[in-house]
Amino acid sequence: MGAGKTTAGRMLADKLGWYFVDLDDAFLQIHGMTTAEYIRSYGLETFRRLEKDVVERLSELPYEKVIYATGGGYPCWEDNMECLKELGTSIYIRWQPHHLAERLLLTDLSLRPVLQGRTREELLTFITPQLEAREPYYSQADYIVDAPLDGILHEMNDEQIAEHLCQLIKSKMKS
């Protein structure tokens, strides 16, 4: 959460002229509920199964050049990371926990039920073990981008990440 998957992903898709799909938005379109609403109503296990189904449906669409932003837990369930890698190139935008906490505090935490009402310290206490548990999955990505790229947290980080990824993808397409 808060790594910039959606924001930087949209910017990247714009730069490349590709389609952009946010998995949470696709889930809402297909199932008529936000991911948070669905999890509250039916539980995480049921949500994960349907989330995987959404990715499988999306992979069957006739678009070749697509940037997908998945939820942070998606790669950590069953064989989802392997599936992502089969679909294309996977990228992990890696942030330090304290940077993620700062970024999240700039957002509306009420939209993230698991984080709602948490202080900076509570966010850090939540984020740190989450990242540690997910790192074995995330580190399987084809590319890992350490953010912030310039070592400083500021409003241009998502733009820098998108530009960095754009150059990475363009160089990969040339080879």
C-alpha atoms as a PDB file:
ATOM      1  CA  MET A   1       0.000   0.000   0.000  1.00  0.00           C
ATOM      2  CA  GLY A   2       1.188   3.436  -0.905  1.00  0.00           C
ATOM      3  CA  ALA A   3       4.070   2.337  -3.124  1.00  0.00           C
ATOM      4  CA  GLY A   4       2.675   4.155  -6.154  1.00  0.00           C
ATOM      5  CA  LYS A   5       1.542   1.142  -8.152  1.00  0.00           C
ATOM      6  CA  THR A   6      -1.552   2.930  -9.434  1.00  0.00           C
ATOM      7  CA  THR A   7      -0.206   6.485  -9.678  1.00  0.00           C
ATOM      8  CA  ALA A   8       3.145   5.619 -11.239  1.00  0.00           C
ATOM      9  CA  GLY A   9       1.482   2.873 -13.293  1.00  0.00           C
ATOM     10  CA  ARG A  10      -0.961   5.330 -14.873  1.00  0.00           C
ATOM     11  CA  MET A  11       1.862   7.755 -15.613  1.00  0.00           C
ATOM     12  CA  LEU A  12       3.925   4.956 -17.140  1.00  0.00           C
ATOM     13  CA  ALA A  13       1.042   3.801 -19.337  1.00  0.00           C
ATOM     14  CA  ASP A  14       0.550   7.391 -20.533  1.00  0.00           C
ATOM     15  CA  LYS A  15       4.249   7.731 -21.365  1.00  0.00           C
ATOM     16  CA  LEU A  16       4.247   4.488 -23.342  1.00  0.00           C
ATOM     17  CA  GLY A  17       0.824   4.907 -24.929  1.00  0.00           C
ATOM     18  CA  TRP A  18      -0.304   1.611 -23.383  1.00  0.00           C
ATOM     19  CA  TYR A  19      -3.491   0.631 -21.588  1.00  0.00           C
ATOM     20  CA  PHE A  20      -3.601   0.850 -17.814  1.00  0.00           C
ATOM     21  CA  VAL A  21      -5.642  -1.440 -15.577  1.00  0.00           C
ATOM     22  CA  ASP A  22      -5.883  -1.108 -11.821  1.00  0.00           C
ATOM     23  CA  LEU A  23      -6.896  -4.487 -10.441  1.00  0.00           C
ATOM     24  CA  ASP A  24      -8.987  -2.905  -7.678  1.00  0.00           C
ATOM     25  CA  ASP A  25     -10.963  -0.880 -10.258  1.00  0.00           C
ATOM     26  CA  ALA A  26     -11.443  -3.973 -12.427  1.00  0.00           C
ATOM     27  CA  PHE A  27     -12.647  -5.905  -9.374  1.00  0.00           C
ATOM     28  CA  LEU A  28     -15.205  -3.162  -8.681  1.00  0.00           C
ATOM     29  CA  GLN A  29     -16.442  -3.215 -12.287  1.00  0.00           C
ATOM     30  CA  ILE A  30     -16.809  -6.988 -12.374  1.00  0.00           C
ATOM     31  CA  HIS A  31     -18.146  -7.621  -8.855  1.00  0.00           C
ATOM     32  CA  GLY A  32     -19.875  -4.320  -8.035  1.00  0.00           C
ATOM     33  CA  MET A  33     -18.021  -3.852  -4.756  1.00  0.00           C
ATOM     34  CA  THR A  34     -14.719  -2.287  -3.793  1.00  0.00           C
ATOM     35  CA  THR A  35     -12.079  -4.685  -2.571  1.00  0.00           C
ATOM     36  CA  ALA A  36     -12.474  -3.304   0.962  1.00  0.00           C
ATOM     37  CA  GLU A  37     -16.265  -3.782   0.888  1.00  0.00           C
ATOM     38  CA  TYR A  38     -15.892  -7.295  -0.458  1.00  0.00           C
ATOM     39  CA  ILE A  39     -13.309  -8.300   2.134  1.00  0.00           C
ATOM     40  CA  ARG A  40     -15.480  -6.907   4.949  1.00  0.00           C
ATOM     41  CA  SER A  41     -18.523  -8.789   3.651  1.00  0.00           C
ATOM     42  CA  TYR A  42     -17.056 -12.108   2.513  1.00  0.00           C
ATOM     43  CA  GLY A  43     -13.563 -12.404   3.943  1.00  0.00           C
ATOM     44  CA  LEU A  44     -10.044 -12.318   2.582  1.00  0.00           C
ATOM     45  CA  GLU A  45      -9.894 -15.915   1.346  1.00  0.00           C
ATOM     46  CA  THR A  46     -12.969 -15.524  -0.878  1.00  0.00           C
ATOM     47  CA  PHE A  47     -11.686 -12.175  -2.091  1.00  0.00           C
ATOM     48  CA  ARG A  48      -8.302 -13.643  -3.091  1.00  0.00           C
ATOM     49  CA  ARG A  49      -9.993 -16.338  -5.187  1.00  0.00           C
ATOM     50  CA  LEU A  50     -12.110 -13.766  -7.017  1.00  0.00           C
ATOM     51  CA  GLU A  51      -9.154 -11.403  -7.388  1.00  0.00           C
ATOM     52  CA  LYS A  52      -7.241 -14.172  -9.162  1.00  0.00           C
ATOM     53  CA  ASP A  53     -10.257 -14.774 -11.400  1.00  0.00           C
ATOM     54  CA  VAL A  54     -10.269 -11.065 -12.329  1.00  0.00           C
ATOM     55  CA  VAL A  55      -6.612 -11.242 -13.397  1.00  0.00           C
ATOM     56  CA  GLU A  56      -7.328 -14.357 -15.467  1.00  0.00           C
ATOM     57  CA  ARG A  57     -10.252 -12.601 -17.171  1.00  0.00           C
ATOM     58  CA  LEU A  58      -8.149  -9.523 -17.871  1.00  0.00           C
ATOM     59  CA  SER A  59      -5.341 -11.612 -19.338  1.00  0.00           C
ATOM     60  CA  GLU A  60      -7.784 -12.883 -21.971  1.00  0.00           C
ATOM     61  CA  LEU A  61      -8.542  -9.389 -23.286  1.00  0.00           C
ATOM     62  CA  PRO A  62      -7.108  -8.603 -26.718  1.00  0.00           C
ATOM     63  CA  TYR A  63      -4.684  -5.934 -25.494  1.00  0.00           C
ATOM     64  CA  GLU A  64      -0.993  -6.598 -25.912  1.00  0.00           C
ATOM     65  CA  LYS A  65       0.531  -3.617 -24.174  1.00  0.00           C
ATOM     66  CA  VAL A  66      -0.951  -3.188 -20.729  1.00  0.00           C
ATOM     67  CA  ILE A  67       0.342  -1.955 -17.388  1.00  0.00           C
ATOM     68  CA  TYR A  68      -1.435  -3.728 -14.529  1.00  0.00           C
ATOM     69  CA  ALA A  69      -1.401  -2.447 -10.947  1.00  0.00           C
ATOM     70  CA  THR A  70      -2.216  -5.283  -8.570  1.00  0.00           C
ATOM     71  CA  GLY A  71      -3.018  -5.039  -4.907  1.00  0.00           C
ATOM     72  CA  GLY A  72      -0.047  -5.466  -2.583  1.00  0.00           C
ATOM     73  CA  GLY A  73      -1.192  -8.865  -1.351  1.00  0.00           C
ATOM     74  CA  TYR A  74      -1.911 -10.315  -4.779  1.00  0.00           C
ATOM     75  CA  PRO A  75       1.598 -11.685  -5.501  1.00  0.00           C
ATOM     76  CA  CYS A  76       1.669 -13.421  -2.099  1.00  0.00           C
ATOM     77  CA  TRP A  77      -1.314 -15.737  -2.578  1.00  0.00           C
ATOM     78  CA  GLU A  78      -0.920 -19.233  -3.997  1.00  0.00           C
ATOM     79  CA  ASP A  79       0.994 -19.129  -7.299  1.00  0.00           C
ATOM     80  CA  ASN A  80       0.032 -15.558  -8.201  1.00  0.00           C
ATOM     81  CA  MET A  81       3.596 -14.312  -8.551  1.00  0.00           C
ATOM     82  CA  GLU A  82       4.346 -17.072 -11.034  1.00  0.00           C
ATOM     83  CA  CYS A  83       1.168 -16.191 -12.930  1.00  0.00           C
ATOM     84  CA  LEU A  84       2.171 -12.526 -13.083  1.00  0.00           C
ATOM     85  CA  LYS A  85       5.551 -13.454 -14.485  1.00  0.00           C
ATOM     86  CA  GLU A  86       3.894 -15.647 -17.132  1.00  0.00           C
ATOM     87  CA  LEU A  87       1.675 -12.727 -18.170  1.00  0.00           C
ATOM     88  CA  GLY A  88       4.598 -10.383 -18.680  1.00  0.00           C
ATOM     89  CA  THR A  89       7.290  -8.456 -16.881  1.00  0.00           C
ATOM     90  CA  SER A  90       6.784  -7.977 -13.157  1.00  0.00           C
ATOM     91  CA  ILE A  91       8.122  -4.979 -11.263  1.00  0.00           C
ATOM     92  CA  TYR A  92       8.464  -4.414  -7.528  1.00  0.00           C
ATOM     93  CA  ILE A  93       8.601  -0.783  -6.412  1.00  0.00           C
ATOM     94  CA  ARG A  94      10.508  -1.219  -3.161  1.00  0.00           C
ATOM     95  CA  TRP A  95      10.199   1.404  -0.445  1.00  0.00           C
ATOM     96  CA  GLN A  96      11.534   1.465   3.084  1.00  0.00           C
ATOM     97  CA  PRO A  97       8.733   1.124   5.669  1.00  0.00           C
ATOM     98  CA  HIS A  98       9.196   4.658   7.043  1.00  0.00           C
ATOM     99  CA  HIS A  99       8.828   6.131   3.548  1.00  0.00           C
ATOM    100  CA  LEU A 100       5.640   4.135   2.952  1.00  0.00           C
ATOM    101  CA  ALA A 101       4.214   5.353   6.258  1.00  0.00           C
ATOM    102  CA  GLU A 102       4.911   8.967   5.260  1.00  0.00           C
ATOM    103  CA  ARG A 103       3.330   8.466   1.831  1.00  0.00           C
ATOM    104  CA  LEU A 104       0.276   6.786   3.307  1.00  0.00           C
ATOM    105  CA  LEU A 105      -0.246   9.641   5.754  1.00  0.00           C
ATOM    106  CA  LEU A 106      -0.667  11.912   2.724  1.00  0.00           C
ATOM    107  CA  THR A 107      -3.653   9.834   1.547  1.00  0.00           C
ATOM    108  CA  ASP A 108      -7.166   9.342   2.844  1.00  0.00           C
ATOM    109  CA  LEU A 109      -6.674   6.425   5.240  1.00  0.00           C
ATOM    110  CA  SER A 110     -10.436   5.938   5.526  1.00  0.00           C
ATOM    111  CA  LEU A 111     -10.233   4.376   2.043  1.00  0.00           C
ATOM    112  CA  ARG A 112      -7.889   1.743   3.488  1.00  0.00           C
ATOM    113  CA  PRO A 113      -9.865   0.044   6.269  1.00  0.00           C
ATOM    114  CA  VAL A 114      -6.873  -1.817   7.666  1.00  0.00           C
ATOM    115  CA  LEU A 115      -5.031   1.495   8.168  1.00  0.00           C
ATOM    116  CA  GLN A 116      -7.897   3.741   9.188  1.00  0.00           C
ATOM    117  CA  GLY A 117      -7.174   5.867  12.268  1.00  0.00           C
ATOM    118  CA  ARG A 118      -3.570   4.733  12.678  1.00  0.00           C
ATOM    119  CA  THR A 119      -0.853   7.130  13.781  1.00  0.00           C
ATOM    120  CA  ARG A 120       2.547   7.371  12.050  1.00  0.00           C
ATOM    121  CA  GLU A 121       4.040   4.991  14.611  1.00  0.00           C
ATOM    122  CA  GLU A 122       1.150   2.535  14.295  1.00  0.00           C
ATOM    123  CA  LEU A 123       1.496   2.595  10.507  1.00  0.00           C
ATOM    124  CA  LEU A 124       5.173   1.796  10.792  1.00  0.00           C
ATOM    125  CA  THR A 125       4.451  -1.018  13.253  1.00  0.00           C
ATOM    126  CA  PHE A 126       1.925  -2.446  10.766  1.00  0.00           C
ATOM    127  CA  ILE A 127       3.947  -1.915   7.578  1.00  0.00           C
ATOM    128  CA  THR A 128       7.310  -3.299   8.701  1.00  0.00           C
ATOM    129  CA  PRO A 129       6.256  -6.932   9.356  1.00  0.00           C
ATOM    130  CA  GLN A 130       3.939  -6.842   6.308  1.00  0.00           C
ATOM    131  CA  LEU A 131       6.859  -5.965   4.053  1.00  0.00           C
ATOM    132  CA  GLU A 132       9.100  -8.526   5.704  1.00  0.00           C
ATOM    133  CA  ALA A 133       6.504 -11.265   5.156  1.00  0.00           C
ATOM    134  CA  ARG A 134       5.891 -10.236   1.541  1.00  0.00           C
ATOM    135  CA  GLU A 135       9.531  -9.675   0.559  1.00  0.00           C
ATOM    136  CA  PRO A 136      10.146 -13.306  -0.506  1.00  0.00           C
ATOM    137  CA  TYR A 137       7.309 -12.970  -3.034  1.00  0.00           C
ATOM    138  CA  TYR A 138       8.061  -9.428  -4.149  1.00  0.00           C
ATOM    139  CA  SER A 139      11.749 -10.182  -4.633  1.00  0.00           C
ATOM    140  CA  GLN A 140      10.807 -12.713  -7.330  1.00  0.00           C
ATOM    141  CA  ALA A 141       9.819  -9.818  -9.609  1.00  0.00           C
ATOM    142  CA  ASP A 142      11.706  -9.451 -12.866  1.00  0.00           C
ATOM    143  CA  TYR A 143      12.781  -5.941 -11.861  1.00  0.00           C
ATOM    144  CA  ILE A 144      13.126  -4.253  -8.490  1.00  0.00           C
ATOM    145  CA  VAL A 145      13.110  -0.468  -8.340  1.00  0.00           C
ATOM    146  CA  ASP A 146      14.338   0.997  -5.086  1.00  0.00           C
ATOM    147  CA  ALA A 147      12.407   4.158  -4.285  1.00  0.00           C
ATOM    148  CA  PRO A 148      12.797   6.996  -3.802  1.00  0.00           C
ATOM    149  CA  LEU A 149      15.218   7.067  -6.694  1.00  0.00           C
ATOM    150  CA  ASP A 150      16.964  10.214  -5.490  1.00  0.00           C
ATOM    151  CA  GLY A 151      16.899   9.218  -1.819  1.00  0.00           C
ATOM    152  CA  ILE A 152      14.498  12.035  -0.945  1.00  0.00           C
ATOM    153  CA  LEU A 153      10.775  11.699  -0.328  1.00  0.00           C
ATOM    154  CA  HIS A 154       8.817  14.319  -2.290  1.00  0.00           C
ATOM    155  CA  GLU A 155       5.822  14.774  -4.576  1.00  0.00           C
ATOM    156  CA  MET A 156       7.812  13.902  -7.710  1.00  0.00           C
ATOM    157  CA  ASN A 157       8.622  10.340  -6.639  1.00  0.00           C
ATOM    158  CA  ASP A 158       5.818   8.755  -8.679  1.00  0.00           C
ATOM    159  CA  GLU A 159       6.836  10.741 -11.756  1.00  0.00           C
ATOM    160  CA  GLN A 160      10.477   9.678 -11.283  1.00  0.00           C
ATOM    161  CA  ILE A 161       9.444   6.047 -10.876  1.00  0.00           C
ATOM    162  CA  ALA A 162       7.292   6.192 -14.007  1.00  0.00           C
ATOM    163  CA  GLU A 163      10.120   7.763 -15.999  1.00  0.00           C
ATOM    164  CA  HIS A 164      12.633   5.204 -14.705  1.00  0.00           C
ATOM    165  CA  LEU A 165      10.284   2.342 -15.604  1.00  0.00           C
ATOM    166  CA  CYS A 166       9.600   3.877 -19.012  1.00  0.00           C
ATOM    167  CA  GLN A 167      13.324   3.895 -19.798  1.00  0.00           C
ATOM    168  CA  LEU A 168      13.655   0.345 -18.470  1.00  0.00           C
ATOM    169  CA  ILE A 169      10.810  -0.938 -20.654  1.00  0.00           C
ATOM    170  CA  LYS A 170      12.012   0.929 -23.735  1.00  0.00           C
ATOM    171  CA  SER A 171      15.507  -0.510 -23.343  1.00  0.00           C
ATOM    172  CA  LYS A 172      14.044  -3.988 -22.886  1.00  0.00           C
ATOM    173  CA  MET A 173      11.962  -3.596 -26.060  1.00  0.00           C
ATOM    174  CA  LYS A 174      15.080  -2.647 -28.061  1.00  0.00           C
ATOM    175  CA  SER A 175      16.952  -5.770 -27.010  1.00  0.00           C
END
